[in-house]
Amino acid sequence: MSYRLGVTIDKDSGFCFGVVYAIDMAEEILEQEGYLYCLGDIVHNDEEVARLKAKGLRIIGHADLPQLQNEKVLIRAHGESPETYKIALENNITLIDASCPVVLKLQNRIKTSYDDQEKILIFGKHGHAEVIGLQGQTNNEALVFQDLEELDHVELPAKFTLYSQTTKSTDKFYHIKEELLKRGYEVKANDTICRQVSNRYEDLATFAQKFDRIVFVSGKKSSNGKVLYEVCAKHNPQSYFISDVAELSKEMFREDESVGVCGATSTPMWLMQQVKEKLESF
């Protein structure tokens, strides 16, 4: 059977400005100095991390930071907790701070709420880099939850302030807010979801409906990727989630189908281009 696939990449997919900013800063220093430490994966995409590692990027964990002295360390777009800045100061580490401005603004709002002695809930992914940084603004006292069910057996205060990780679903955030209000809590809700992310929902829904099949490209670790893939799958059940070109095979497609290729805010355009070329080779 011959395959005649019309393949189109979503022009609005790919890195958000926060990720672009972090990668540009990293590449500039790597070009000048040949190596650079980065606290955690610079982006939740293994292929892009591998590309930058080949240029000299050295990924370290928080446990490694106190061992460094007199080095430069990149803080990625997800942001960091106050403890990281404290260690850097003590060890004469120069921080290349590529924290996303949207995340920094959110950190500041949470810190202000904490200083005002408000009880804080954060709708976010447990263990996510951004969420760890947000919790750090509250001396790790904020309650983090991924789903409403987690709160069913938790004794919550009668009044609290609700925040969200910047890449979460807007619809889900407002559903959670309304449900908590129905349960009788006094909720001061702060919609802190990045609009560059949330605006993609509608655009992606429109894009997904234009094609017979969708190939959504994202790293498995990306929270944003999971949310945006769900948008695709909702509007086009013939949607595939892949992280690597090797996951594609001819058998996944039929003759004369049109295919749309899209991705998360952490998906590099070069990877989506590789996917397009692979599909066209079928």
Protein backbone atom coordinates (compact mmCIF):
# COMPACT_ATOMS: atom_id res chain seq x y z
CA MET A 1 0.00 0.00 0.00
CA SER A 2 1.29 3.48 -0.78
CA TYR A 3 0.88 6.24 1.79
CA ARG A 4 -0.04 9.75 0.67
CA LEU A 5 -0.15 11.79 3.83
CA GLY A 6 -0.75 15.51 3.95
CA VAL A 7 1.22 16.62 7.00
CA THR A 8 0.89 20.02 8.67
CA ILE A 9 2.68 21.40 11.74
CA ASP A 10 0.68 23.62 14.07
CA LYS A 11 2.34 27.05 13.79
CA ASP A 12 1.30 27.95 17.36
CA SER A 13 2.90 24.89 18.97
CA GLY A 14 6.41 24.77 20.38
CA PHE A 15 8.38 26.58 23.04
CA CYS A 16 6.70 29.30 25.10
CA PHE A 17 8.68 32.52 25.64
CA GLY A 18 9.89 31.36 29.08
CA VAL A 19 11.54 28.26 27.64
CA VAL A 20 12.96 30.17 24.65
CA TYR A 21 14.50 32.69 27.07
CA ALA A 22 16.14 29.97 29.21
CA ILE A 23 17.54 28.06 26.22
CA ASP A 24 18.85 31.24 24.56
CA MET A 25 20.68 32.17 27.78
CA ALA A 26 22.14 28.68 28.10
CA GLU A 27 23.33 28.55 24.49
CA GLU A 28 24.97 31.98 24.73
CA ILE A 29 27.03 30.95 27.79
CA LEU A 30 27.83 27.51 26.33
CA GLU A 31 29.19 29.20 23.22
CA GLN A 32 31.38 31.50 25.29
CA GLU A 33 32.56 29.14 28.01
CA GLY A 34 32.04 25.58 26.75
CA TYR A 35 30.05 24.35 29.75
CA LEU A 36 27.30 25.45 32.12
CA TYR A 37 25.60 23.82 35.11
CA CYS A 38 21.80 23.70 35.06
CA LEU A 39 19.68 22.94 38.13
CA GLY A 40 17.35 20.21 36.83
CA ASP A 41 16.37 19.53 33.21
CA ILE A 42 16.26 22.87 31.40
CA VAL A 43 13.02 21.77 29.73
CA HIS A 44 10.79 18.70 30.11
CA ASN A 45 11.88 17.25 26.80
CA ASP A 46 14.60 14.59 26.74
CA GLU A 47 15.57 15.22 23.11
CA GLU A 48 16.18 18.94 23.66
CA VAL A 49 18.08 18.23 26.90
CA ALA A 50 20.31 15.75 25.01
CA ARG A 51 21.01 18.37 22.31
CA LEU A 52 22.14 20.92 24.92
CA LYS A 53 24.14 18.34 26.89
CA ALA A 54 26.11 17.70 23.70
CA LYS A 55 26.98 21.41 23.72
CA GLY A 56 28.27 21.21 27.31
CA LEU A 57 25.22 21.65 29.54
CA ARG A 58 25.70 19.80 32.84
CA ILE A 59 22.46 18.84 34.59
CA ILE A 60 22.69 18.73 38.38
CA GLY A 61 20.20 18.10 41.19
CA HIS A 62 19.54 20.12 44.33
CA ALA A 63 21.71 17.72 46.34
CA ASP A 64 24.68 18.64 44.10
CA LEU A 65 24.36 22.41 44.51
CA PRO A 66 26.04 22.69 47.97
CA GLN A 67 29.07 20.85 46.55
CA LEU A 68 29.74 23.54 43.93
CA GLN A 69 31.92 26.59 44.55
CA ASN A 70 32.61 29.62 42.33
CA GLU A 71 30.59 28.29 39.38
CA LYS A 72 27.76 29.53 37.17
CA VAL A 73 24.43 27.73 37.51
CA LEU A 74 21.36 28.25 35.35
CA ILE A 75 17.95 28.45 36.98
CA ARG A 76 15.42 27.23 34.41
CA ALA A 77 12.04 28.78 33.59
CA HIS A 78 10.27 26.82 36.38
CA GLY A 79 11.87 29.02 39.06
CA GLU A 80 13.41 28.08 42.41
CA SER A 81 12.72 28.33 46.13
CA PRO A 82 14.52 30.83 48.41
CA GLU A 83 16.79 28.04 49.71
CA THR A 84 18.52 27.79 46.31
CA TYR A 85 19.45 31.49 46.35
CA LYS A 86 20.73 31.15 49.93
CA ILE A 87 23.06 28.25 49.01
CA ALA A 88 24.31 30.13 45.95
CA LEU A 89 25.19 33.17 48.08
CA GLU A 90 27.06 31.04 50.62
CA ASN A 91 29.05 29.19 47.91
CA ASN A 92 29.83 32.16 45.67
CA ILE A 93 27.75 30.61 42.88
CA THR A 94 26.65 32.96 40.12
CA LEU A 95 23.02 32.21 39.29
CA ILE A 96 21.97 32.72 35.68
CA ASP A 97 18.32 33.28 36.50
CA ALA A 98 16.07 32.32 33.59
CA SER A 99 12.94 32.01 35.75
CA CYS A 100 9.85 32.74 33.68
CA PRO A 101 8.41 36.20 34.54
CA VAL A 102 4.95 34.62 34.92
CA VAL A 103 6.33 32.16 37.50
CA LEU A 104 8.24 34.91 39.34
CA LYS A 105 5.06 36.99 39.58
CA LEU A 106 3.21 33.97 40.99
CA GLN A 107 5.98 33.29 43.52
CA ASN A 108 5.75 36.89 44.70
CA ARG A 109 1.96 36.69 45.09
CA ILE A 110 2.21 33.49 47.11
CA LYS A 111 4.97 34.97 49.29
CA THR A 112 2.77 38.02 49.96
CA SER A 113 -0.18 35.78 50.90
CA TYR A 114 2.06 33.77 53.21
CA ASP A 115 3.42 36.93 54.85
CA ASP A 116 -0.20 38.01 55.39
CA GLN A 117 -0.70 34.69 57.22
CA GLU A 118 -3.24 33.35 54.72
CA LYS A 119 -3.77 29.57 54.48
CA ILE A 120 -2.61 28.57 50.98
CA LEU A 121 -3.68 25.75 48.64
CA ILE A 122 -1.87 25.16 45.36
CA PHE A 123 -3.47 23.23 42.51
CA GLY A 124 -0.44 21.60 40.94
CA LYS A 125 1.55 18.45 40.28
CA HIS A 126 3.31 16.91 43.28
CA GLY A 127 7.09 17.13 42.90
CA HIS A 128 6.97 19.40 39.84
CA ALA A 129 9.88 21.85 39.69
CA GLU A 130 7.62 24.91 39.55
CA VAL A 131 5.46 23.65 42.42
CA ILE A 132 8.52 23.00 44.62
CA GLY A 133 9.56 26.61 44.02
CA LEU A 134 6.07 27.84 44.89
CA GLN A 135 5.93 25.80 48.09
CA GLY A 136 9.30 27.23 49.02
CA GLN A 137 7.74 30.69 49.24
CA THR A 138 5.61 29.38 52.13
CA ASN A 139 8.34 27.54 54.04
CA ASN A 140 6.74 24.41 52.52
CA GLU A 141 3.53 24.99 54.48
CA ALA A 142 1.20 25.35 51.45
CA LEU A 143 -1.00 22.35 50.70
CA VAL A 144 -0.47 21.01 47.17
CA PHE A 145 -3.08 18.84 45.46
CA GLN A 146 -3.54 17.48 41.94
CA ASP A 147 -7.20 16.49 42.15
CA LEU A 148 -10.19 17.35 44.31
CA GLU A 149 -10.35 13.77 45.59
CA GLU A 150 -7.10 14.40 47.49
CA LEU A 151 -8.93 16.96 49.63
CA ASP A 152 -11.83 14.65 50.57
CA HIS A 153 -10.14 13.41 53.72
CA VAL A 154 -8.16 16.52 54.57
CA GLU A 155 -9.31 18.92 57.28
CA LEU A 156 -9.19 22.28 55.53
CA PRO A 157 -9.48 25.68 57.23
CA ALA A 158 -12.80 27.47 56.75
CA LYS A 159 -11.04 30.21 54.76
CA PHE A 160 -8.07 29.89 52.41
CA THR A 161 -6.38 31.28 49.30
CA LEU A 162 -6.23 29.11 46.17
CA TYR A 163 -3.45 29.35 43.57
CA SER A 164 -2.57 27.25 40.53
CA GLN A 165 0.59 26.03 38.86
CA THR A 166 0.94 28.16 35.71
CA THR A 167 0.48 25.30 33.23
CA LYS A 168 -2.67 23.73 34.66
CA SER A 169 -6.08 23.55 32.93
CA THR A 170 -8.12 26.75 33.37
CA ASP A 171 -11.40 24.81 33.19
CA LYS A 172 -10.27 22.42 35.91
CA PHE A 173 -9.10 25.29 38.13
CA TYR A 174 -12.50 26.99 38.00
CA HIS A 175 -14.29 23.67 38.52
CA ILE A 176 -12.22 23.14 41.67
CA LYS A 177 -12.97 26.66 42.87
CA GLU A 178 -16.74 26.20 42.41
CA GLU A 179 -16.72 22.80 44.07
CA LEU A 180 -14.87 24.13 47.12
CA LEU A 181 -17.33 27.03 47.38
CA LYS A 182 -20.21 24.51 47.24
CA ARG A 183 -18.61 22.64 50.13
CA GLY A 184 -18.97 25.79 52.22
CA TYR A 185 -15.40 27.07 52.24
CA GLU A 186 -14.54 30.75 51.87
CA VAL A 187 -12.20 30.64 48.86
CA LYS A 188 -10.07 33.51 47.62
CA ALA A 189 -9.18 32.15 44.17
CA ASN A 190 -6.27 33.49 42.11
CA ASP A 191 -6.23 32.41 38.47
CA THR A 192 -2.47 32.28 37.98
CA ILE A 193 -2.45 30.13 34.83
CA CYS A 194 -0.20 31.40 32.05
CA ARG A 195 -2.31 32.83 29.25
CA GLN A 196 0.24 31.81 26.62
CA VAL A 197 -0.57 28.25 27.69
CA SER A 198 -4.33 28.58 28.25
CA ASN A 199 -4.85 30.44 24.95
CA ARG A 200 -3.53 27.37 23.17
CA TYR A 201 -6.48 25.28 24.31
CA GLU A 202 -8.92 26.92 21.91
CA ASP A 203 -6.39 27.13 19.07
CA LEU A 204 -5.42 23.48 19.54
CA ALA A 205 -9.06 22.37 19.63
CA THR A 206 -9.61 24.06 16.26
CA PHE A 207 -6.38 22.61 14.85
CA ALA A 208 -7.16 19.05 15.99
CA GLN A 209 -10.52 19.01 14.19
CA LYS A 210 -8.98 19.88 10.82
CA PHE A 211 -7.21 16.53 10.37
CA ASP A 212 -7.98 12.83 10.18
CA ARG A 213 -5.28 12.12 12.76
CA ILE A 214 -3.17 14.11 15.19
CA VAL A 215 0.39 13.39 16.31
CA PHE A 216 1.05 15.24 19.55
CA VAL A 217 4.76 15.49 20.39
CA SER A 218 5.83 16.02 23.99
CA GLY A 219 8.15 14.83 26.72
CA LYS A 220 6.53 12.35 29.10
CA LYS A 221 7.48 14.58 32.08
CA SER A 222 5.67 17.64 30.75
CA SER A 223 2.56 18.60 32.76
CA ASN A 224 1.64 21.06 30.06
CA GLY A 225 2.01 18.29 27.47
CA LYS A 226 -0.49 16.06 29.26
CA VAL A 227 -3.06 18.88 29.47
CA LEU A 228 -2.70 19.90 25.82
CA TYR A 229 -2.79 16.30 24.60
CA GLU A 230 -6.12 15.85 26.41
CA VAL A 231 -7.43 18.84 24.43
CA CYS A 232 -6.39 17.12 21.19
CA ALA A 233 -7.86 13.76 22.16
CA LYS A 234 -11.15 15.38 23.20
CA HIS A 235 -11.61 17.06 19.82
CA ASN A 236 -10.00 14.32 17.74
CA PRO A 237 -10.06 10.77 19.21
CA GLN A 238 -7.56 9.73 16.52
CA SER A 239 -4.72 11.42 18.39
CA TYR A 240 -1.35 9.87 19.21
CA PHE A 241 0.99 11.01 22.02
CA ILE A 242 4.66 10.46 21.15
CA SER A 243 7.98 11.68 22.54
CA ASP A 244 10.27 10.41 19.81
CA VAL A 245 10.17 9.87 16.05
CA ALA A 246 10.99 6.19 16.59
CA GLU A 247 7.50 5.68 18.06
CA LEU A 248 5.91 6.25 14.63
CA SER A 249 5.12 3.44 12.21
CA LYS A 250 3.28 3.20 8.87
CA GLU A 251 0.68 0.92 10.42
CA MET A 252 -0.61 3.78 12.57
CA PHE A 253 -1.96 5.60 9.49
CA ARG A 254 -4.19 4.91 6.53
CA GLU A 255 -3.84 5.89 2.92
CA ASP A 256 -4.86 9.44 2.01
CA GLU A 257 -5.25 10.62 5.61
CA SER A 258 -4.36 14.14 6.62
CA VAL A 259 -2.19 14.45 9.73
CA GLY A 260 -1.67 17.40 12.06
CA VAL A 261 1.51 17.62 14.13
CA CYS A 262 1.49 19.70 17.32
CA GLY A 263 3.16 19.84 20.71
CA ALA A 264 3.58 21.29 24.18
CA THR A 265 5.23 24.51 25.31
CA SER A 266 8.31 22.37 26.00
CA THR A 267 8.42 20.74 22.54
CA PRO A 268 11.14 22.04 20.19
CA MET A 269 10.09 22.93 16.65
CA TRP A 270 13.00 20.92 15.24
CA LEU A 271 11.52 17.76 16.78
CA MET A 272 8.07 18.41 15.27
CA GLN A 273 9.82 19.00 11.93
CA GLN A 274 11.52 15.59 12.26
CA VAL A 275 8.12 14.01 12.93
CA LYS A 276 6.70 15.69 9.81
CA GLU A 277 9.60 14.40 7.69
CA LYS A 278 9.17 10.87 9.06
CA LEU A 279 5.44 10.90 8.28
CA GLU A 280 6.11 12.17 4.77
CA SER A 281 8.63 9.37 4.24
CA PHE A 282 5.76 6.90 4.71
